[in-house]
Amino acid sequence: MSRPTIHASAVLTGVRAVLIRGPSGSGKSRLALALMHEAAQGGLPLARLVADDRAFVEPAHGRLLVRPAPELAGLIEVRGIGIVRVPHEPVAVAGLIVDLGLAAAERLPDPNQMASIEGITLPRLAVADGTDPLPVLLAWLRTVGWLRRF
């Protein structure tokens, strides 16, 4: 039985993964790289790539597991350079869905916004085109998410 595949990147940040969705060119890889850079600078306790471009997802015991496509494990696109190898995690539990490339997003969205993948409902953060997603995501992780104490 094949696992469902979604067009997304995923980064383990602390104890959960951020699942980053969006159309091609919306900045999924760029946000994943920015999270890893933030961790390298001490701004996050951990940020390791799980998947870039294509992620396998599967529900397990009420959680959504995320894995890289085997042929893409540890690989991420760096625009202007190409595909590079980085340290990665083979599996992580998703804790947040970030949707990039939206035509519009609410200025003051409902903090309890949710989305479902494979029957598992997770918090959702919608980021409009033209908005830098990193500060928005870091604010969410530190005020609403699992990094509140960091």
Foldseek 3Di string as FASTA:
>chain_A
DDFDKDQWWWKDFPQAIETEDEDPPQCRLVLLVVVQVCVVVVNTVGIFTFEHGMWGWDDDPLWIKIHYDVVCGQWTQDPPPGIDGDDHDGMHTHAEYEYTAAQDDDPDDDQQDWDDDNRHIHHYHYDYPPDDVNVVVSVCCCVPRDNVPD
